[in-house]
Amino acid sequence: MTKNVKITLIAIAAIVLFFFMTFGGVYNKLVTAEEGVTSAWSQVENVYQRRADLVPNLVETVKGYAAHERETLQGVVDARSKISQMNVSADVIRDPNMLAQFQQAQGALSSALSRLMVVVERYPDLKASQNFLALQTQLEGTENRITVERKRFNDAAREFNTLRRVFPNVFIARMMGFGEKAYFTATEGAAQVPTVQF
């Protein structure tokens, strides 16, 4: 083998090694970022499940004081039932439409719970009940956790989507099937200032 052939083979080997190291590094970063999104999504599901688990206890507590508020209580039960019937898979973080449906169902439960809290205002004995107060505190804490976990999910999705779109990662991401992750968005009408009347 001549000296020129050896130099050419070494150069080719160096280029191939550089390509594989770059490819491997980018691939590993994409996998790590995608796992971050998946982990953040698990936490979102976790806090939504916590809220869904609290709802039956809250409904039963209110039912004892406000049995004739059947329509409001049924609205909460129905909204929770729709959520528990949803088939939420890991695909929801890849599909903006599925995420919007999930978010809409959760919004319906939030709305039903808000109406329930308005009903509660009419019952001073219920508002003073230790069981109700404890449930209300847990529910408020859960709503705060939902907000925090949704933000963390959006942060992880943004980090992944950014990593996926930069050069040269965009080519490797497409080649290896790393798709864009969906974001939680504000609910419809959230930009409007609510009207308060006394």
N, C-alpha and C. Protein backbone atom coordinates (compact mmCIF):
# COMPACT_ATOMS: atom_id res chain seq x y z
N MET A 1 0.84 -1.17 0.00
CA MET A 1 0.00 0.00 0.00
C MET A 1 0.89 1.23 0.00
N THR A 2 0.53 2.16 -0.82
CA THR A 2 1.34 3.37 -0.91
C THR A 2 0.93 4.34 0.19
N LYS A 3 1.79 5.30 0.36
CA LYS A 3 1.57 6.32 1.39
C LYS A 3 0.30 7.12 1.12
N ASN A 4 0.00 7.44 -0.11
CA ASN A 4 -1.20 8.21 -0.48
C ASN A 4 -2.48 7.42 -0.17
N VAL A 5 -2.46 6.12 -0.41
CA VAL A 5 -3.61 5.27 -0.14
C VAL A 5 -3.88 5.21 1.36
N LYS A 6 -2.80 5.06 2.14
CA LYS A 6 -2.94 5.03 3.60
C LYS A 6 -3.53 6.34 4.11
N ILE A 7 -3.04 7.45 3.62
CA ILE A 7 -3.54 8.76 4.05
C ILE A 7 -5.01 8.91 3.66
N THR A 8 -5.37 8.45 2.47
CA THR A 8 -6.76 8.52 2.01
C THR A 8 -7.66 7.66 2.88
N LEU A 9 -7.22 6.44 3.21
CA LEU A 9 -8.00 5.55 4.07
C LEU A 9 -8.16 6.12 5.47
N ILE A 10 -7.10 6.70 6.00
CA ILE A 10 -7.16 7.32 7.33
C ILE A 10 -8.13 8.50 7.30
N ALA A 11 -8.08 9.31 6.24
CA ALA A 11 -8.98 10.45 6.12
C ALA A 11 -10.43 9.99 6.03
N ILE A 12 -10.68 8.96 5.24
CA ILE A 12 -12.05 8.43 5.11
C ILE A 12 -12.52 7.88 6.45
N ALA A 13 -11.65 7.13 7.14
CA ALA A 13 -11.99 6.58 8.45
C ALA A 13 -12.29 7.70 9.45
N ALA A 14 -11.51 8.76 9.40
CA ALA A 14 -11.74 9.90 10.30
C ALA A 14 -13.07 10.57 10.02
N ILE A 15 -13.40 10.72 8.74
CA ILE A 15 -14.68 11.34 8.36
C ILE A 15 -15.84 10.46 8.81
N VAL A 16 -15.74 9.15 8.58
CA VAL A 16 -16.80 8.22 8.99
C VAL A 16 -16.95 8.23 10.51
N LEU A 17 -15.84 8.20 11.22
CA LEU A 17 -15.88 8.24 12.68
C LEU A 17 -16.52 9.54 13.16
N PHE A 18 -16.14 10.66 12.56
CA PHE A 18 -16.73 11.96 12.91
C PHE A 18 -18.24 11.94 12.67
N PHE A 19 -18.68 11.39 11.54
CA PHE A 19 -20.10 11.33 11.21
C PHE A 19 -20.84 10.50 12.26
N PHE A 20 -20.32 9.32 12.58
CA PHE A 20 -21.00 8.46 13.54
C PHE A 20 -21.02 9.07 14.94
N MET A 21 -19.96 9.74 15.33
CA MET A 21 -19.94 10.39 16.65
C MET A 21 -20.96 11.53 16.69
N THR A 22 -21.01 12.31 15.62
CA THR A 22 -21.98 13.40 15.56
C THR A 22 -23.39 12.84 15.55
N PHE A 23 -23.63 11.84 14.70
CA PHE A 23 -24.94 11.21 14.61
C PHE A 23 -25.35 10.64 15.97
N GLY A 24 -24.44 9.91 16.59
CA GLY A 24 -24.74 9.30 17.89
C GLY A 24 -25.01 10.34 18.96
N GLY A 25 -24.23 11.40 18.98
CA GLY A 25 -24.44 12.46 19.96
C GLY A 25 -25.78 13.14 19.80
N VAL A 26 -26.13 13.46 18.57
CA VAL A 26 -27.42 14.11 18.30
C VAL A 26 -28.56 13.16 18.64
N TYR A 27 -28.44 11.91 18.22
CA TYR A 27 -29.48 10.92 18.51
C TYR A 27 -29.69 10.78 20.02
N ASN A 28 -28.60 10.69 20.78
CA ASN A 28 -28.71 10.55 22.23
C ASN A 28 -29.36 11.78 22.86
N LYS A 29 -29.04 12.97 22.36
CA LYS A 29 -29.67 14.19 22.89
C LYS A 29 -31.16 14.19 22.59
N LEU A 30 -31.54 13.77 21.38
CA LEU A 30 -32.96 13.71 21.02
C LEU A 30 -33.71 12.71 21.89
N VAL A 31 -33.10 11.56 22.13
CA VAL A 31 -33.73 10.55 22.99
C VAL A 31 -33.91 11.10 24.40
N THR A 32 -32.88 11.74 24.92
CA THR A 32 -32.95 12.31 26.27
C THR A 32 -34.04 13.37 26.36
N ALA A 33 -34.11 14.25 25.37
CA ALA A 33 -35.12 15.30 25.37
C ALA A 33 -36.52 14.72 25.22
N GLU A 34 -36.66 13.69 24.38
CA GLU A 34 -37.97 13.07 24.21
C GLU A 34 -38.42 12.37 25.50
N GLU A 35 -37.49 11.75 26.19
CA GLU A 35 -37.82 11.14 27.48
C GLU A 35 -38.23 12.20 28.50
N GLY A 36 -37.62 13.38 28.41
CA GLY A 36 -38.02 14.49 29.27
C GLY A 36 -39.46 14.90 29.02
N VAL A 37 -39.85 14.93 27.75
CA VAL A 37 -41.24 15.26 27.40
C VAL A 37 -42.18 14.18 27.92
N THR A 38 -41.82 12.93 27.73
CA THR A 38 -42.65 11.82 28.19
C THR A 38 -42.80 11.84 29.71
N SER A 39 -41.72 12.11 30.40
CA SER A 39 -41.76 12.20 31.86
C SER A 39 -42.65 13.36 32.31
N ALA A 40 -42.51 14.49 31.66
CA ALA A 40 -43.34 15.66 32.01
C ALA A 40 -44.81 15.35 31.75
N TRP A 41 -45.09 14.63 30.65
CA TRP A 41 -46.48 14.27 30.35
C TRP A 41 -47.03 13.33 31.43
N SER A 42 -46.21 12.41 31.91
CA SER A 42 -46.65 11.51 32.98
C SER A 42 -47.05 12.29 34.22
N GLN A 43 -46.31 13.33 34.52
CA GLN A 43 -46.66 14.16 35.68
C GLN A 43 -47.96 14.92 35.45
N VAL A 44 -48.19 15.38 34.21
CA VAL A 44 -49.46 16.04 33.90
C VAL A 44 -50.60 15.07 34.14
N GLU A 45 -50.47 13.86 33.60
CA GLU A 45 -51.51 12.84 33.80
C GLU A 45 -51.70 12.53 35.29
N ASN A 46 -50.61 12.48 36.02
CA ASN A 46 -50.65 12.19 37.44
C ASN A 46 -51.49 13.21 38.20
N VAL A 47 -51.28 14.50 37.94
CA VAL A 47 -52.04 15.50 38.69
C VAL A 47 -53.49 15.58 38.22
N TYR A 48 -53.73 15.33 36.94
CA TYR A 48 -55.12 15.27 36.49
C TYR A 48 -55.83 14.07 37.12
N GLN A 49 -55.12 12.96 37.27
CA GLN A 49 -55.71 11.79 37.92
C GLN A 49 -56.00 12.09 39.39
N ARG A 50 -55.11 12.82 40.03
CA ARG A 50 -55.34 13.21 41.43
C ARG A 50 -56.62 14.01 41.54
N ARG A 51 -56.83 14.95 40.60
CA ARG A 51 -58.05 15.74 40.62
C ARG A 51 -59.27 14.85 40.39
N ALA A 52 -59.17 13.95 39.42
CA ALA A 52 -60.29 13.05 39.14
C ALA A 52 -60.62 12.18 40.35
N ASP A 53 -59.60 11.79 41.10
CA ASP A 53 -59.81 10.98 42.30
C ASP A 53 -60.47 11.78 43.42
N LEU A 54 -60.22 13.08 43.48
CA LEU A 54 -60.81 13.92 44.52
C LEU A 54 -62.29 14.24 44.23
N VAL A 55 -62.66 14.26 42.98
CA VAL A 55 -64.01 14.69 42.60
C VAL A 55 -65.11 13.86 43.26
N PRO A 56 -65.06 12.52 43.24
CA PRO A 56 -66.16 11.77 43.88
C PRO A 56 -66.32 12.12 45.37
N ASN A 57 -65.22 12.30 46.08
CA ASN A 57 -65.30 12.67 47.49
C ASN A 57 -65.95 14.04 47.66
N LEU A 58 -65.57 14.97 46.81
CA LEU A 58 -66.14 16.31 46.86
C LEU A 58 -67.64 16.26 46.56
N VAL A 59 -68.03 15.53 45.54
CA VAL A 59 -69.44 15.42 45.17
C VAL A 59 -70.24 14.79 46.31
N GLU A 60 -69.72 13.74 46.90
CA GLU A 60 -70.44 13.09 48.01
C GLU A 60 -70.59 14.02 49.21
N THR A 61 -69.56 14.79 49.50
CA THR A 61 -69.64 15.73 50.62
C THR A 61 -70.69 16.80 50.35
N VAL A 62 -70.69 17.35 49.15
CA VAL A 62 -71.67 18.38 48.81
C VAL A 62 -73.07 17.78 48.74
N LYS A 63 -73.17 16.56 48.24
CA LYS A 63 -74.48 15.90 48.09
C LYS A 63 -75.20 15.81 49.44
N GLY A 64 -74.46 15.57 50.50
CA GLY A 64 -75.06 15.47 51.81
C GLY A 64 -75.70 16.78 52.27
N TYR A 65 -75.18 17.90 51.85
CA TYR A 65 -75.70 19.20 52.25
C TYR A 65 -76.67 19.79 51.22
N ALA A 66 -76.45 19.48 49.97
CA ALA A 66 -77.20 20.15 48.91
C ALA A 66 -77.78 19.13 47.93
N ALA A 67 -78.59 18.23 48.47
CA ALA A 67 -79.13 17.15 47.65
C ALA A 67 -79.97 17.66 46.50
N HIS A 68 -80.62 18.81 46.66
CA HIS A 68 -81.50 19.30 45.59
C HIS A 68 -80.72 20.03 44.49
N GLU A 69 -79.40 20.11 44.59
CA GLU A 69 -78.56 20.70 43.53
C GLU A 69 -78.10 19.59 42.59
N ARG A 70 -79.02 18.71 42.30
CA ARG A 70 -78.73 17.51 41.52
C ARG A 70 -78.11 17.80 40.16
N GLU A 71 -78.59 18.82 39.46
CA GLU A 71 -78.10 19.12 38.11
C GLU A 71 -76.61 19.49 38.13
N THR A 72 -76.23 20.32 39.08
CA THR A 72 -74.82 20.73 39.19
C THR A 72 -73.94 19.54 39.55
N LEU A 73 -74.40 18.75 40.52
CA LEU A 73 -73.63 17.57 40.92
C LEU A 73 -73.50 16.58 39.76
N GLN A 74 -74.58 16.40 39.01
CA GLN A 74 -74.55 15.48 37.88
C GLN A 74 -73.59 15.98 36.80
N GLY A 75 -73.52 17.30 36.61
CA GLY A 75 -72.59 17.88 35.64
C GLY A 75 -71.14 17.54 35.98
N VAL A 76 -70.80 17.60 37.26
CA VAL A 76 -69.45 17.26 37.70
C VAL A 76 -69.19 15.77 37.47
N VAL A 77 -70.15 14.94 37.85
CA VAL A 77 -70.00 13.49 37.68
C VAL A 77 -69.85 13.14 36.20
N ASP A 78 -70.68 13.76 35.35
CA ASP A 78 -70.61 13.48 33.91
C ASP A 78 -69.26 13.91 33.31
N ALA A 79 -68.78 15.10 33.71
CA ALA A 79 -67.50 15.59 33.18
C ALA A 79 -66.36 14.66 33.59
N ARG A 80 -66.39 14.21 34.83
CA ARG A 80 -65.35 13.28 35.30
C ARG A 80 -65.45 11.95 34.56
N SER A 81 -66.67 11.49 34.33
CA SER A 81 -66.89 10.23 33.63
C SER A 81 -66.33 10.30 32.20
N LYS A 82 -66.54 11.41 31.52
CA LYS A 82 -66.02 11.56 30.16
C LYS A 82 -64.49 11.48 30.15
N ILE A 83 -63.88 12.06 31.16
CA ILE A 83 -62.41 12.02 31.24
C ILE A 83 -61.94 10.59 31.47
N SER A 84 -62.60 9.88 32.36
CA SER A 84 -62.15 8.51 32.66
C SER A 84 -62.39 7.57 31.48
N GLN A 85 -63.31 7.92 30.58
CA GLN A 85 -63.57 7.08 29.41
C GLN A 85 -62.61 7.39 28.26
N MET A 86 -61.91 8.51 28.34
CA MET A 86 -60.97 8.86 27.27
C MET A 86 -59.81 7.88 27.25
N ASN A 87 -59.43 7.49 26.05
CA ASN A 87 -58.26 6.62 25.89
C ASN A 87 -57.06 7.52 25.62
N VAL A 88 -56.35 7.85 26.68
CA VAL A 88 -55.20 8.76 26.54
C VAL A 88 -53.94 7.93 26.47
N SER A 89 -53.30 7.98 25.31
CA SER A 89 -52.06 7.24 25.11
C SER A 89 -50.91 8.24 24.97
N ALA A 90 -49.73 7.72 24.84
CA ALA A 90 -48.55 8.58 24.66
C ALA A 90 -48.62 9.36 23.35
N ASP A 91 -49.49 8.92 22.43
CA ASP A 91 -49.63 9.64 21.16
C ASP A 91 -50.19 11.04 21.34
N VAL A 92 -50.83 11.29 22.47
CA VAL A 92 -51.44 12.60 22.70
C VAL A 92 -50.40 13.72 22.66
N ILE A 93 -49.15 13.42 23.02
CA ILE A 93 -48.12 14.46 23.02
C ILE A 93 -47.56 14.72 21.63
N ARG A 94 -47.92 13.87 20.69
CA ARG A 94 -47.47 14.06 19.31
C ARG A 94 -48.55 14.64 18.42
N ASP A 95 -49.79 14.63 18.89
CA ASP A 95 -50.92 15.04 18.07
C ASP A 95 -51.64 16.22 18.70
N PRO A 96 -51.51 17.42 18.11
CA PRO A 96 -52.17 18.60 18.68
C PRO A 96 -53.69 18.44 18.81
N ASN A 97 -54.33 17.70 17.90
CA ASN A 97 -55.77 17.50 17.98
C ASN A 97 -56.16 16.63 19.17
N MET A 98 -55.40 15.56 19.41
CA MET A 98 -55.67 14.72 20.57
C MET A 98 -55.44 15.49 21.86
N LEU A 99 -54.37 16.30 21.90
CA LEU A 99 -54.10 17.10 23.09
C LEU A 99 -55.21 18.12 23.31
N ALA A 100 -55.73 18.70 22.23
CA ALA A 100 -56.83 19.67 22.35
C ALA A 100 -58.08 18.98 22.89
N GLN A 101 -58.37 17.75 22.45
CA GLN A 101 -59.52 17.01 22.98
C GLN A 101 -59.35 16.71 24.46
N PHE A 102 -58.15 16.29 24.83
CA PHE A 102 -57.85 16.03 26.24
C PHE A 102 -58.04 17.31 27.05
N GLN A 103 -57.50 18.39 26.54
CA GLN A 103 -57.59 19.68 27.23
C GLN A 103 -59.05 20.14 27.33
N GLN A 104 -59.84 19.90 26.30
CA GLN A 104 -61.25 20.29 26.30
C GLN A 104 -62.01 19.50 27.37
N ALA A 105 -61.75 18.21 27.47
CA ALA A 105 -62.41 17.39 28.49
C ALA A 105 -62.02 17.85 29.88
N GLN A 106 -60.73 18.15 30.08
CA GLN A 106 -60.29 18.66 31.39
C GLN A 106 -60.92 20.02 31.68
N GLY A 107 -61.06 20.85 30.64
CA GLY A 107 -61.70 22.16 30.81
C GLY A 107 -63.16 22.03 31.21
N ALA A 108 -63.86 21.02 30.66
CA ALA A 108 -65.25 20.79 31.03
C ALA A 108 -65.36 20.42 32.51
N LEU A 109 -64.41 19.61 32.99
CA LEU A 109 -64.41 19.27 34.41
C LEU A 109 -64.11 20.50 35.25
N SER A 110 -63.17 21.31 34.83
CA SER A 110 -62.85 22.55 35.56
C SER A 110 -64.08 23.45 35.64
N SER A 111 -64.80 23.57 34.53
CA SER A 111 -66.00 24.40 34.49
C SER A 111 -67.08 23.85 35.43
N ALA A 112 -67.27 22.53 35.40
CA ALA A 112 -68.26 21.92 36.28
C ALA A 112 -67.89 22.11 37.75
N LEU A 113 -66.61 21.99 38.05
CA LEU A 113 -66.16 22.22 39.44
C LEU A 113 -66.37 23.67 39.85
N SER A 114 -66.16 24.60 38.93
CA SER A 114 -66.39 26.02 39.23
C SER A 114 -67.86 26.26 39.55
N ARG A 115 -68.76 25.66 38.76
CA ARG A 115 -70.19 25.80 39.04
C ARG A 115 -70.54 25.20 40.39
N LEU A 116 -69.89 24.09 40.73
CA LEU A 116 -70.13 23.45 42.02
C LEU A 116 -69.71 24.37 43.16
N MET A 117 -68.58 25.06 42.99
CA MET A 117 -68.11 25.97 44.05
C MET A 117 -69.07 27.16 44.21
N VAL A 118 -69.73 27.58 43.13
CA VAL A 118 -70.74 28.64 43.24
C VAL A 118 -71.92 28.14 44.05
N VAL A 119 -72.32 26.90 43.81
CA VAL A 119 -73.42 26.31 44.58
C VAL A 119 -73.07 26.24 46.06
N VAL A 120 -71.84 25.90 46.34
CA VAL A 120 -71.39 25.75 47.73
C VAL A 120 -71.55 27.05 48.51
N GLU A 121 -71.39 28.18 47.83
CA GLU A 121 -71.52 29.48 48.49
C GLU A 121 -72.89 29.66 49.14
N ARG A 122 -73.89 28.95 48.64
CA ARG A 122 -75.26 29.08 49.18
C ARG A 122 -75.46 28.29 50.48
N TYR A 123 -74.48 27.50 50.88
CA TYR A 123 -74.65 26.61 52.03
C TYR A 123 -73.58 26.89 53.08
N PRO A 124 -73.90 27.79 54.03
CA PRO A 124 -72.89 28.13 55.05
C PRO A 124 -72.42 26.93 55.87
N ASP A 125 -73.34 26.00 56.16
CA ASP A 125 -72.94 24.82 56.94
C ASP A 125 -71.93 23.97 56.17
N LEU A 126 -72.14 23.87 54.88
CA LEU A 126 -71.22 23.10 54.04
C LEU A 126 -69.86 23.77 53.99
N LYS A 127 -69.86 25.08 53.82
CA LYS A 127 -68.59 25.82 53.76
C LYS A 127 -67.80 25.67 55.06
N ALA A 128 -68.49 25.44 56.16
CA ALA A 128 -67.82 25.30 57.45
C ALA A 128 -67.43 23.85 57.75
N SER A 129 -67.91 22.90 56.96
CA SER A 129 -67.63 21.50 57.20
C SER A 129 -66.14 21.22 57.03
N GLN A 130 -65.57 20.52 58.00
CA GLN A 130 -64.15 20.19 57.95
C GLN A 130 -63.83 19.30 56.75
N ASN A 131 -64.72 18.35 56.46
CA ASN A 131 -64.50 17.48 55.31
C ASN A 131 -64.45 18.28 54.02
N PHE A 132 -65.40 19.20 53.87
CA PHE A 132 -65.44 20.00 52.66
C PHE A 132 -64.22 20.91 52.57
N LEU A 133 -63.87 21.54 53.67
CA LEU A 133 -62.71 22.44 53.67
C LEU A 133 -61.43 21.69 53.29
N ALA A 134 -61.28 20.47 53.83
CA ALA A 134 -60.09 19.68 53.50
C ALA A 134 -60.09 19.32 52.01
N LEU A 135 -61.23 18.91 51.49
CA LEU A 135 -61.32 18.57 50.07
C LEU A 135 -61.08 19.79 49.19
N GLN A 136 -61.65 20.92 49.59
CA GLN A 136 -61.47 22.14 48.81
C GLN A 136 -60.00 22.54 48.78
N THR A 137 -59.32 22.42 49.90
CA THR A 137 -57.89 22.74 49.96
C THR A 137 -57.09 21.80 49.06
N GLN A 138 -57.42 20.50 49.13
CA GLN A 138 -56.72 19.54 48.27
C GLN A 138 -56.97 19.83 46.79
N LEU A 139 -58.20 20.19 46.47
CA LEU A 139 -58.54 20.49 45.08
C LEU A 139 -57.82 21.74 44.60
N GLU A 140 -57.76 22.77 45.43
CA GLU A 140 -57.03 24.00 45.06
C GLU A 140 -55.55 23.69 44.85
N GLY A 141 -54.99 22.90 45.75
CA GLY A 141 -53.58 22.50 45.60
C GLY A 141 -53.36 21.71 44.32
N THR A 142 -54.30 20.84 44.00
CA THR A 142 -54.19 20.04 42.78
C THR A 142 -54.28 20.92 41.54
N GLU A 143 -55.17 21.91 41.55
CA GLU A 143 -55.28 22.83 40.41
C GLU A 143 -53.96 23.59 40.23
N ASN A 144 -53.32 23.98 41.32
CA ASN A 144 -52.02 24.64 41.22
C ASN A 144 -50.96 23.68 40.65
N ARG A 145 -51.01 22.43 41.09
CA ARG A 145 -50.07 21.43 40.57
C ARG A 145 -50.28 21.22 39.07
N ILE A 146 -51.55 21.21 38.65
CA ILE A 146 -51.85 21.05 37.22
C ILE A 146 -51.19 22.18 36.43
N THR A 147 -51.33 23.40 36.91
CA THR A 147 -50.72 24.54 36.23
C THR A 147 -49.21 24.39 36.14
N VAL A 148 -48.60 24.00 37.24
CA VAL A 148 -47.13 23.84 37.27
C VAL A 148 -46.69 22.73 36.32
N GLU A 149 -47.38 21.59 36.36
CA GLU A 149 -46.97 20.46 35.53
C GLU A 149 -47.23 20.72 34.05
N ARG A 150 -48.29 21.46 33.73
CA ARG A 150 -48.53 21.82 32.33
C ARG A 150 -47.41 22.73 31.84
N LYS A 151 -46.96 23.66 32.67
CA LYS A 151 -45.85 24.54 32.29
C LYS A 151 -44.58 23.72 32.08
N ARG A 152 -44.32 22.80 33.00
CA ARG A 152 -43.12 21.94 32.85
C ARG A 152 -43.20 21.10 31.58
N PHE A 153 -44.39 20.61 31.27
CA PHE A 153 -44.56 19.85 30.04
C PHE A 153 -44.27 20.73 28.83
N ASN A 154 -44.86 21.92 28.81
CA ASN A 154 -44.61 22.83 27.68
C ASN A 154 -43.14 23.19 27.57
N ASP A 155 -42.46 23.36 28.70
CA ASP A 155 -41.02 23.65 28.67
C ASP A 155 -40.24 22.48 28.06
N ALA A 156 -40.59 21.26 28.48
CA ALA A 156 -39.90 20.07 27.95
C ALA A 156 -40.20 19.90 26.46
N ALA A 157 -41.45 20.15 26.06
CA ALA A 157 -41.81 20.05 24.64
C ALA A 157 -41.07 21.11 23.82
N ARG A 158 -40.97 22.32 24.35
CA ARG A 158 -40.26 23.39 23.65
C ARG A 158 -38.79 23.04 23.50
N GLU A 159 -38.20 22.53 24.57
CA GLU A 159 -36.78 22.15 24.53
C GLU A 159 -36.56 21.05 23.47
N PHE A 160 -37.44 20.06 23.47
CA PHE A 160 -37.32 18.98 22.48
C PHE A 160 -37.51 19.51 21.07
N ASN A 161 -38.58 20.29 20.86
CA ASN A 161 -38.88 20.80 19.52
C ASN A 161 -37.75 21.68 19.00
N THR A 162 -37.14 22.47 19.88
CA THR A 162 -36.02 23.31 19.47
C THR A 162 -34.82 22.45 19.10
N LEU A 163 -34.49 21.49 19.94
CA LEU A 163 -33.37 20.58 19.66
C LEU A 163 -33.60 19.85 18.35
N ARG A 164 -34.82 19.47 18.10
CA ARG A 164 -35.18 18.72 16.90
C ARG A 164 -35.04 19.56 15.63
N ARG A 165 -35.24 20.86 15.73
CA ARG A 165 -35.28 21.70 14.54
C ARG A 165 -33.94 22.34 14.18
N VAL A 166 -32.96 22.32 15.07
CA VAL A 166 -31.68 22.99 14.76
C VAL A 166 -30.82 22.10 13.86
N PHE A 167 -29.92 22.74 13.15
CA PHE A 167 -29.01 22.05 12.24
C PHE A 167 -27.86 21.45 13.02
N PRO A 168 -27.42 20.29 12.79
CA PRO A 168 -27.82 19.26 11.82
C PRO A 168 -28.87 18.30 12.36
N ASN A 169 -29.36 18.59 13.58
CA ASN A 169 -30.30 17.68 14.25
C ASN A 169 -31.55 17.43 13.42
N VAL A 170 -31.98 18.42 12.66
CA VAL A 170 -33.22 18.30 11.89
C VAL A 170 -33.15 17.10 10.94
N PHE A 171 -32.02 16.86 10.34
CA PHE A 171 -31.89 15.73 9.41
C PHE A 171 -31.95 14.40 10.15
N ILE A 172 -31.24 14.33 11.25
CA ILE A 172 -31.20 13.09 12.04
C ILE A 172 -32.58 12.83 12.65
N ALA A 173 -33.23 13.88 13.14
CA ALA A 173 -34.57 13.72 13.74
C ALA A 173 -35.56 13.18 12.71
N ARG A 174 -35.52 13.72 11.51
CA ARG A 174 -36.43 13.23 10.45
C ARG A 174 -36.11 11.78 10.08
N MET A 175 -34.82 11.51 9.95
CA MET A 175 -34.38 10.17 9.55
C MET A 175 -34.79 9.13 10.60
N MET A 176 -34.73 9.51 11.88
CA MET A 176 -35.00 8.57 12.96
C MET A 176 -36.45 8.64 13.47
N GLY A 177 -37.27 9.49 12.87
CA GLY A 177 -38.70 9.53 13.21
C GLY A 177 -39.06 10.30 14.46
N PHE A 178 -38.24 11.26 14.85
CA PHE A 178 -38.57 12.09 16.01
C PHE A 178 -39.51 13.20 15.56
N GLY A 179 -40.79 13.08 15.91
CA GLY A 179 -41.79 14.07 15.50
C GLY A 179 -41.93 15.18 16.52
N GLU A 180 -42.55 16.27 16.08
CA GLU A 180 -42.77 17.44 16.93
C GLU A 180 -43.75 17.09 18.05
N LYS A 181 -43.58 17.70 19.20
CA LYS A 181 -44.46 17.49 20.35
C LYS A 181 -45.46 18.64 20.42
N ALA A 182 -46.68 18.33 20.82
CA ALA A 182 -47.73 19.34 20.94
C ALA A 182 -47.59 20.09 22.26
N TYR A 183 -48.22 21.27 22.34
CA TYR A 183 -48.19 22.10 23.54
C TYR A 183 -49.59 22.24 24.12
N PHE A 184 -49.65 22.45 25.43
CA PHE A 184 -50.90 22.90 26.03
C PHE A 184 -51.08 24.35 25.63
N THR A 185 -52.30 24.74 25.34
CA THR A 185 -52.59 26.12 24.99
C THR A 185 -53.67 26.65 25.92
N ALA A 186 -53.86 27.96 25.88
CA ALA A 186 -54.91 28.58 26.70
C ALA A 186 -56.27 28.12 26.20
N THR A 187 -57.21 28.02 27.12
CA THR A 187 -58.56 27.63 26.72
C THR A 187 -59.21 28.78 25.97
N GLU A 188 -60.19 28.44 25.16
CA GLU A 188 -60.88 29.44 24.36
C GLU A 188 -61.50 30.50 25.26
N GLY A 189 -61.29 31.75 24.92
CA GLY A 189 -61.86 32.86 25.68
C GLY A 189 -61.03 33.28 26.88
N ALA A 190 -59.88 32.64 27.09
CA ALA A 190 -59.06 32.96 28.26
C ALA A 190 -58.47 34.36 28.19
N ALA A 191 -58.35 34.91 26.98
CA ALA A 191 -57.77 36.25 26.82
C ALA A 191 -58.76 37.35 27.20
N GLN A 192 -60.04 37.01 27.28
CA GLN A 192 -61.04 38.02 27.63
C GLN A 192 -61.07 38.21 29.14
N VAL A 193 -61.17 39.46 29.54
CA VAL A 193 -61.25 39.79 30.97
C VAL A 193 -62.64 39.44 31.47
N PRO A 194 -62.75 38.66 32.55
CA PRO A 194 -64.08 38.30 33.05
C PRO A 194 -64.80 39.53 33.62
N THR A 195 -66.11 39.52 33.48
CA THR A 195 -66.94 40.61 34.01
C THR A 195 -67.34 40.24 35.43
N VAL A 196 -67.09 41.15 36.35
CA VAL A 196 -67.45 40.94 37.75
C VAL A 196 -68.60 41.89 38.09
N GLN A 197 -69.70 41.32 38.57
CA GLN A 197 -70.85 42.14 38.95
C GLN A 197 -71.21 41.85 40.41
N PHE A 198 -71.49 42.92 41.12
CA PHE A 198 -71.91 42.77 42.52
C PHE A 198 -73.35 43.16 42.68
